[in-house]
Amino acid sequence: MHIIHEEIGLPKITFQEIGKNTARFTISPLPNGYGRTLGNTLRRVLLSSVPGAAITAVRIEGVSHEYSTIPGMKESVLDFCLNLKKVAVQKHGKGIEIASLSTKREGEIFAKDIHFSSDVEYLNPDFPIAFLGKKSDGIKAEIKLDKGVGYLPAAQQQREAEEGENWIYIDATFSPVTRVRYDVSATRVGENTNLDKLEVEVETNGSLSPEDAVKFSSNILQSYFSFFQREGDLVVESDFMTSSANIAIPKEEEYDDAPQESYTPIEVLNLSPRTLNALINGEIGSIEELVKCSPAKLENLRGFGKKAMDEVRDILATRGFSLTEEEE
């Protein structure tokens, strides 16, 4: 770490719940400039890389495109699709699920009127998605739910779709993190006045707690920064770094010729956040490391139960991999 921490001490992080599914994280003291560096990096990963579930398409009986109207329904089809984007759910299993919505009830139609399987948990069941008037014949629709990461535009789904399916595709935002705001302010320790205090506010839809979302994002960053870790003989000696922050860099010829073990980040498996957190907290950050693990080793990880074991086995099997049966 920065040499200034030898004078001011290591930064401390505090956690404070400030509302439903909302929390504030404060880390201080930091060297000048590090508040914005850490805050912006963490914000980008929180919004783009935490996996979740979202409605990606809808198919309505008697409707061929989003600019249509449904007799007796207050909302246009486009407004109905925009409301479906705001339906928040937690999907425990993998793969695409096709849910149904069929009702002739007069009045408000809510998210809980969509019939998902027991694998899906409603997070805002009373969210209104449509209003049917007295003269309405009702609505009958199929709704596609998928798990993913980041943002999936409707145009991309349309290009990849097969002809004749009559799906209306919806821009999908999978991240369970709905809002991230960070603020950097000045702080001091003794005579050192040019220090940073970073405050990060995180809000989620409830499928993942703000604390778990921050832990997950920091683990992702660690897995990518590990690409820059290379062992060698040359160590950078600097008066501006503490001994714990010295970086080992190989000589150029050793870097080019040394055999590199493949490293595939475990995030590409699209595991559930709970399973992924348990693996990363157990220092299993790549597919190569995972397949070297025995079931007994995984069972000893904190937060890793039978459901997580079944999920890992199934996802590895789809890629032609399996856990090792040998005890380490």
Protein backbone atom coordinates (compact mmCIF):
# COMPACT_ATOMS: atom_id res chain seq x y z
CA MET A 1 0.00 0.00 0.00
CA HIS A 2 0.94 3.66 -0.16
CA ILE A 3 3.83 4.63 2.13
CA ILE A 4 1.69 7.32 3.75
CA HIS A 5 -0.21 4.59 5.62
CA GLU A 6 2.89 4.07 7.75
CA GLU A 7 2.14 7.53 9.16
CA ILE A 8 -1.67 7.63 9.21
CA GLY A 9 -2.47 3.94 9.71
CA LEU A 10 -4.49 1.61 7.50
CA PRO A 11 -7.86 2.84 6.21
CA LYS A 12 -10.96 1.69 8.08
CA ILE A 13 -14.28 0.81 6.47
CA THR A 14 -17.66 1.22 8.14
CA PHE A 15 -21.07 -0.05 7.06
CA GLN A 16 -24.37 1.71 7.79
CA GLU A 17 -27.90 0.76 6.70
CA ILE A 18 -29.75 3.93 5.67
CA GLY A 19 -32.94 2.42 4.22
CA LYS A 20 -34.54 -0.67 2.79
CA ASN A 21 -31.91 -2.42 0.63
CA THR A 22 -29.74 0.71 0.87
CA ALA A 23 -26.46 1.10 2.70
CA ARG A 24 -23.56 3.53 3.00
CA PHE A 25 -19.94 2.40 3.07
CA THR A 26 -17.26 4.78 4.35
CA ILE A 27 -13.53 4.17 3.95
CA SER A 28 -10.99 6.55 5.40
CA PRO A 29 -8.27 7.79 5.49
CA LEU A 30 -7.02 7.42 1.93
CA PRO A 31 -4.15 9.11 0.11
CA ASN A 32 -5.08 12.14 -1.96
CA GLY A 33 -6.79 11.01 -5.21
CA TYR A 34 -7.50 7.46 -4.09
CA GLY A 35 -11.07 8.28 -3.07
CA ARG A 36 -12.14 9.03 -6.63
CA THR A 37 -10.06 6.16 -8.04
CA LEU A 38 -11.67 3.58 -5.76
CA GLY A 39 -15.15 5.12 -5.89
CA ASN A 40 -15.42 5.29 -9.67
CA THR A 41 -13.96 1.81 -10.16
CA LEU A 42 -16.29 0.22 -7.63
CA ARG A 43 -19.32 2.06 -9.03
CA ARG A 44 -18.70 0.83 -12.58
CA VAL A 45 -18.33 -2.80 -11.49
CA LEU A 46 -21.38 -2.66 -9.22
CA LEU A 47 -23.59 -1.42 -12.06
CA SER A 48 -22.21 -3.63 -14.81
CA SER A 49 -20.97 -6.94 -13.43
CA VAL A 50 -23.25 -8.20 -10.65
CA PRO A 51 -25.48 -10.99 -12.04
CA GLY A 52 -29.24 -10.95 -11.69
CA ALA A 53 -32.54 -11.76 -13.40
CA ALA A 54 -34.70 -9.66 -15.71
CA ILE A 55 -37.66 -9.95 -18.08
CA THR A 56 -36.28 -9.93 -21.62
CA ALA A 57 -39.33 -10.48 -23.86
CA VAL A 58 -43.12 -10.76 -23.92
CA ARG A 59 -45.51 -12.41 -26.36
CA ILE A 60 -49.11 -11.16 -26.19
CA GLU A 61 -52.01 -12.94 -27.81
CA GLY A 62 -53.34 -10.87 -30.72
CA VAL A 63 -50.41 -8.43 -30.68
CA SER A 64 -47.61 -8.38 -33.25
CA HIS A 65 -45.54 -5.34 -32.23
CA GLU A 66 -44.97 -2.96 -29.34
CA TYR A 67 -46.83 -0.05 -30.96
CA SER A 68 -50.16 -1.87 -30.78
CA THR A 69 -52.94 -1.34 -28.27
CA ILE A 70 -55.00 -3.87 -26.34
CA PRO A 71 -58.75 -3.15 -26.22
CA GLY A 72 -59.83 -2.09 -22.76
CA MET A 73 -56.29 -1.77 -21.36
CA LYS A 74 -55.28 1.69 -20.22
CA GLU A 75 -51.61 1.25 -21.14
CA SER A 76 -50.29 0.82 -24.65
CA VAL A 77 -48.22 -2.28 -25.34
CA LEU A 78 -45.10 -0.12 -25.19
CA ASP A 79 -46.04 1.20 -21.73
CA PHE A 80 -46.83 -2.36 -20.64
CA CYS A 81 -43.33 -3.47 -21.72
CA LEU A 82 -41.74 -0.56 -19.85
CA ASN A 83 -43.64 -1.62 -16.71
CA LEU A 84 -42.40 -5.20 -17.12
CA LYS A 85 -38.82 -3.86 -17.05
CA LYS A 86 -39.44 -2.69 -13.48
CA VAL A 87 -40.64 -6.07 -12.21
CA ALA A 88 -37.94 -7.26 -9.78
CA VAL A 89 -37.47 -10.96 -9.12
CA GLN A 90 -34.83 -13.32 -7.79
CA LYS A 91 -34.22 -16.42 -9.90
CA HIS A 92 -32.44 -19.20 -8.06
CA GLY A 93 -31.86 -21.60 -10.95
CA LYS A 94 -30.20 -21.14 -14.31
CA GLY A 95 -31.63 -20.93 -17.81
CA ILE A 96 -34.58 -19.17 -19.39
CA GLU A 97 -38.06 -19.44 -17.91
CA ILE A 98 -41.32 -18.77 -19.73
CA ALA A 99 -43.98 -17.42 -17.36
CA SER A 100 -47.65 -16.79 -18.11
CA LEU A 101 -50.04 -13.91 -17.51
CA SER A 102 -53.73 -14.58 -18.12
CA THR A 103 -56.48 -12.53 -16.53
CA LYS A 104 -59.81 -10.86 -17.29
CA ARG A 105 -60.06 -9.17 -13.90
CA GLU A 106 -61.10 -5.55 -14.01
CA GLY A 107 -58.74 -3.09 -12.39
CA GLU A 108 -55.03 -3.12 -11.59
CA ILE A 109 -52.85 -6.01 -12.74
CA PHE A 110 -49.80 -6.54 -10.54
CA ALA A 111 -46.43 -8.25 -10.84
CA LYS A 112 -47.70 -11.11 -8.64
CA ASP A 113 -50.31 -11.93 -11.33
CA ILE A 114 -47.48 -13.25 -13.49
CA HIS A 115 -47.26 -16.99 -12.87
CA PHE A 116 -43.61 -17.87 -12.35
CA SER A 117 -42.36 -21.24 -11.15
CA SER A 118 -41.32 -21.88 -7.56
CA ASP A 119 -37.74 -21.16 -8.66
CA VAL A 120 -38.56 -17.45 -8.87
CA GLU A 121 -39.16 -15.15 -5.91
CA TYR A 122 -41.10 -11.86 -6.26
CA LEU A 123 -39.33 -8.80 -4.88
CA ASN A 124 -42.02 -6.19 -5.69
CA PRO A 125 -45.19 -8.31 -6.03
CA ASP A 126 -47.54 -5.33 -5.69
CA PHE A 127 -45.97 -3.32 -8.49
CA PRO A 128 -48.75 -2.38 -11.02
CA ILE A 129 -48.03 -3.37 -14.62
CA ALA A 130 -51.40 -2.66 -16.30
CA PHE A 131 -54.99 -1.54 -15.76
CA LEU A 132 -57.94 -3.31 -17.40
CA GLY A 133 -61.22 -1.41 -17.86
CA LYS A 134 -64.78 -2.68 -17.89
CA LYS A 135 -64.85 -3.25 -21.64
CA SER A 136 -61.63 -5.22 -21.67
CA ASP A 137 -61.53 -8.82 -22.87
CA GLY A 138 -58.52 -9.41 -20.64
CA ILE A 139 -54.91 -10.10 -21.46
CA LYS A 140 -53.10 -13.33 -22.21
CA ALA A 141 -49.33 -13.27 -22.54
CA GLU A 142 -46.13 -15.24 -22.19
CA ILE A 143 -43.20 -13.58 -20.45
CA LYS A 144 -39.57 -14.60 -20.84
CA LEU A 145 -37.27 -14.34 -17.82
CA ASP A 146 -33.52 -14.85 -18.00
CA LYS A 147 -30.40 -14.51 -15.86
CA GLY A 148 -27.44 -12.50 -16.99
CA VAL A 149 -24.95 -9.73 -16.33
CA GLY A 150 -25.01 -6.10 -17.35
CA TYR A 151 -27.26 -4.73 -20.09
CA LEU A 152 -28.87 -6.65 -22.96
CA PRO A 153 -30.45 -4.40 -25.63
CA ALA A 154 -33.63 -5.46 -27.39
CA ALA A 155 -32.00 -4.90 -30.79
CA GLN A 156 -29.38 -7.56 -30.07
CA GLN A 157 -32.03 -10.05 -29.00
CA GLN A 158 -34.00 -9.27 -32.17
CA ARG A 159 -30.99 -10.02 -34.37
CA GLU A 160 -30.42 -13.37 -32.67
CA ALA A 161 -34.10 -14.38 -32.67
CA GLU A 162 -35.66 -16.90 -35.02
CA GLU A 163 -38.32 -15.71 -37.45
CA GLY A 164 -41.98 -16.19 -36.67
CA GLU A 165 -41.71 -16.25 -32.88
CA ASN A 166 -43.67 -12.97 -32.41
CA TRP A 167 -41.74 -12.02 -29.28
CA ILE A 168 -41.55 -8.36 -28.33
CA TYR A 169 -38.06 -7.90 -26.96
CA ILE A 170 -37.32 -5.62 -24.01
CA ASP A 171 -34.09 -3.84 -23.07
CA ALA A 172 -32.96 -5.83 -20.04
CA THR A 173 -30.85 -4.61 -17.14
CA PHE A 174 -29.79 -7.66 -15.12
CA SER A 175 -27.90 -5.96 -12.32
CA PRO A 176 -29.68 -6.14 -8.95
CA VAL A 177 -27.86 -2.90 -8.07
CA THR A 178 -30.27 -0.10 -8.90
CA ARG A 179 -28.26 2.92 -7.76
CA VAL A 180 -24.69 3.75 -6.75
CA ARG A 181 -23.52 7.15 -5.58
CA TYR A 182 -20.12 8.04 -4.21
CA ASP A 183 -18.76 11.17 -2.62
CA VAL A 184 -15.18 12.13 -1.84
CA SER A 185 -14.49 14.63 0.90
CA ALA A 186 -11.38 15.91 2.67
CA THR A 187 -10.23 14.48 5.95
CA ARG A 188 -7.16 14.71 8.14
CA VAL A 189 -5.03 12.64 10.48
CA GLY A 190 -2.82 14.75 12.70
CA GLU A 191 -0.92 17.20 10.54
CA ASN A 192 -1.79 15.34 7.32
CA THR A 193 -4.69 17.38 5.94
CA ASN A 194 -4.56 16.37 2.28
CA LEU A 195 -6.37 13.03 2.69
CA ASP A 196 -9.55 11.53 1.20
CA LYS A 197 -12.67 10.05 2.76
CA LEU A 198 -14.78 7.94 0.41
CA GLU A 199 -18.50 7.38 0.98
CA VAL A 200 -20.37 4.97 -1.30
CA GLU A 201 -24.16 4.55 -1.20
CA VAL A 202 -25.48 1.35 -2.76
CA GLU A 203 -29.12 0.45 -3.38
CA THR A 204 -30.29 -2.95 -4.65
CA ASN A 205 -33.63 -4.46 -5.63
CA GLY A 206 -33.49 -6.88 -2.70
CA SER A 207 -32.22 -9.99 -4.50
CA LEU A 208 -28.77 -9.21 -3.10
CA SER A 209 -27.87 -7.13 -0.08
CA PRO A 210 -25.73 -3.98 -0.62
CA GLU A 211 -22.99 -5.55 1.51
CA ASP A 212 -22.88 -8.71 -0.60
CA ALA A 213 -22.96 -6.66 -3.80
CA VAL A 214 -19.88 -4.68 -2.67
CA LYS A 215 -18.06 -7.87 -1.64
CA PHE A 216 -18.90 -9.51 -4.95
CA SER A 217 -17.69 -6.50 -6.95
CA SER A 218 -14.44 -6.26 -5.02
CA ASN A 219 -13.82 -9.96 -5.66
CA ILE A 220 -14.33 -9.41 -9.39
CA LEU A 221 -11.78 -6.60 -9.35
CA GLN A 222 -9.30 -8.77 -7.47
CA SER A 223 -9.69 -11.57 -10.01
CA TYR A 224 -8.89 -9.21 -12.89
CA PHE A 225 -6.01 -7.44 -11.15
CA SER A 226 -4.49 -10.86 -10.47
CA PHE A 227 -3.65 -11.01 -14.19
CA PHE A 228 -0.92 -8.46 -13.48
CA GLN A 229 0.63 -10.59 -10.75
CA ARG A 230 3.72 -12.35 -12.13
CA GLU A 231 6.52 -13.86 -10.07
CA GLY A 232 10.10 -13.08 -10.99
CA ASP A 233 13.50 -12.02 -9.71
CA LEU A 234 13.22 -8.29 -10.28
CA VAL A 235 11.50 -6.40 -7.48
CA VAL A 236 10.74 -2.70 -7.83
CA GLU A 237 12.47 -0.82 -5.03
CA SER A 238 10.84 2.49 -4.32
CA ASP A 239 10.92 5.02 -1.50
CA PHE A 240 7.28 5.75 -2.27
CA MET A 241 5.92 2.27 -1.53
CA THR A 242 5.69 0.24 1.63
CA SER A 243 7.43 -3.11 1.68
CA SER A 244 4.07 -4.88 1.54
CA ALA A 245 3.31 -3.18 -1.77
CA ASN A 246 6.49 -4.07 -3.64
CA ILE A 247 5.59 -5.60 -6.97
CA ALA A 248 7.47 -8.56 -8.38
CA ILE A 249 8.00 -8.10 -12.11
CA PRO A 250 9.75 -10.69 -14.27
CA LYS A 251 12.51 -9.84 -16.67
CA GLU A 252 11.22 -9.22 -20.18
CA GLU A 253 12.66 -12.41 -21.68
CA GLU A 254 11.32 -14.51 -18.79
CA TYR A 255 7.90 -12.93 -19.17
CA ASP A 256 7.74 -13.82 -22.86
CA ASP A 257 9.09 -17.35 -22.64
CA ALA A 258 7.66 -18.57 -19.34
CA PRO A 259 4.75 -20.97 -19.77
CA GLN A 260 1.50 -19.30 -18.74
CA GLU A 261 -1.17 -21.33 -16.99
CA SER A 262 -4.58 -20.50 -18.40
CA TYR A 263 -6.85 -18.50 -16.13
CA THR A 264 -10.55 -18.25 -16.93
CA PRO A 265 -12.43 -16.03 -14.44
CA ILE A 266 -15.10 -18.01 -12.66
CA GLU A 267 -17.64 -15.25 -13.35
CA VAL A 268 -18.14 -16.55 -16.90
CA LEU A 269 -19.99 -19.57 -15.48
CA ASN A 270 -22.90 -17.27 -14.56
CA LEU A 271 -23.32 -18.86 -11.14
CA SER A 272 -25.80 -17.47 -8.65
CA PRO A 273 -24.36 -14.62 -6.53
CA ARG A 274 -24.44 -16.71 -3.33
CA THR A 275 -22.53 -19.62 -4.90
CA LEU A 276 -20.05 -17.31 -6.62
CA ASN A 277 -19.36 -15.41 -3.40
CA ALA A 278 -18.71 -18.65 -1.51
CA LEU A 279 -16.19 -19.79 -4.13
CA ILE A 280 -14.36 -16.47 -4.39
CA ASN A 281 -14.24 -16.09 -0.61
CA GLY A 282 -12.68 -19.56 -0.59
CA GLU A 283 -9.97 -18.21 -2.96
CA ILE A 284 -11.33 -20.13 -5.97
CA GLY A 285 -11.32 -17.48 -8.68
CA SER A 286 -10.99 -19.42 -11.93
CA ILE A 287 -12.51 -22.42 -13.68
CA GLU A 288 -9.09 -24.08 -13.66
CA GLU A 289 -8.93 -23.80 -9.86
CA LEU A 290 -12.51 -25.02 -9.48
CA VAL A 291 -12.07 -28.26 -11.43
CA LYS A 292 -9.08 -29.13 -9.24
CA CYS A 293 -11.32 -29.07 -6.16
CA SER A 294 -12.93 -32.14 -4.66
CA PRO A 295 -16.54 -32.13 -3.40
CA ALA A 296 -15.20 -32.47 0.15
CA LYS A 297 -13.16 -29.28 -0.21
CA LEU A 298 -16.13 -27.32 -1.55
CA GLU A 299 -18.39 -28.55 1.22
CA ASN A 300 -16.00 -27.02 3.75
CA LEU A 301 -16.40 -23.55 2.22
CA ARG A 302 -18.49 -21.13 4.22
CA GLY A 303 -21.94 -20.65 2.66
CA PHE A 304 -21.51 -23.54 0.22
CA GLY A 305 -24.29 -26.11 0.64
CA LYS A 306 -25.95 -28.90 -1.31
CA LYS A 307 -27.80 -26.51 -3.61
CA ALA A 308 -24.56 -24.76 -4.52
CA MET A 309 -22.86 -28.12 -5.11
CA ASP A 310 -25.60 -29.22 -7.51
CA GLU A 311 -25.40 -25.89 -9.33
CA VAL A 312 -21.62 -26.15 -9.77
CA ARG A 313 -21.80 -29.76 -10.98
CA ASP A 314 -24.53 -28.95 -13.52
CA ILE A 315 -22.81 -25.87 -14.94
CA LEU A 316 -19.42 -27.61 -15.19
CA ALA A 317 -21.08 -30.56 -16.94
CA THR A 318 -22.52 -28.26 -19.64
CA ARG A 319 -18.93 -27.21 -20.42
CA GLY A 320 -17.51 -30.73 -20.34
CA PHE A 321 -15.83 -30.35 -16.94
CA SER A 322 -16.24 -32.00 -13.57
CA LEU A 323 -14.87 -31.77 -10.05
CA THR A 324 -11.94 -33.96 -9.10
CA GLU A 325 -12.81 -36.98 -6.98
CA GLU A 326 -9.37 -37.14 -5.40
CA GLU A 327 -8.90 -35.77 -1.92
CA GLU A 328 -6.15 -33.17 -1.62
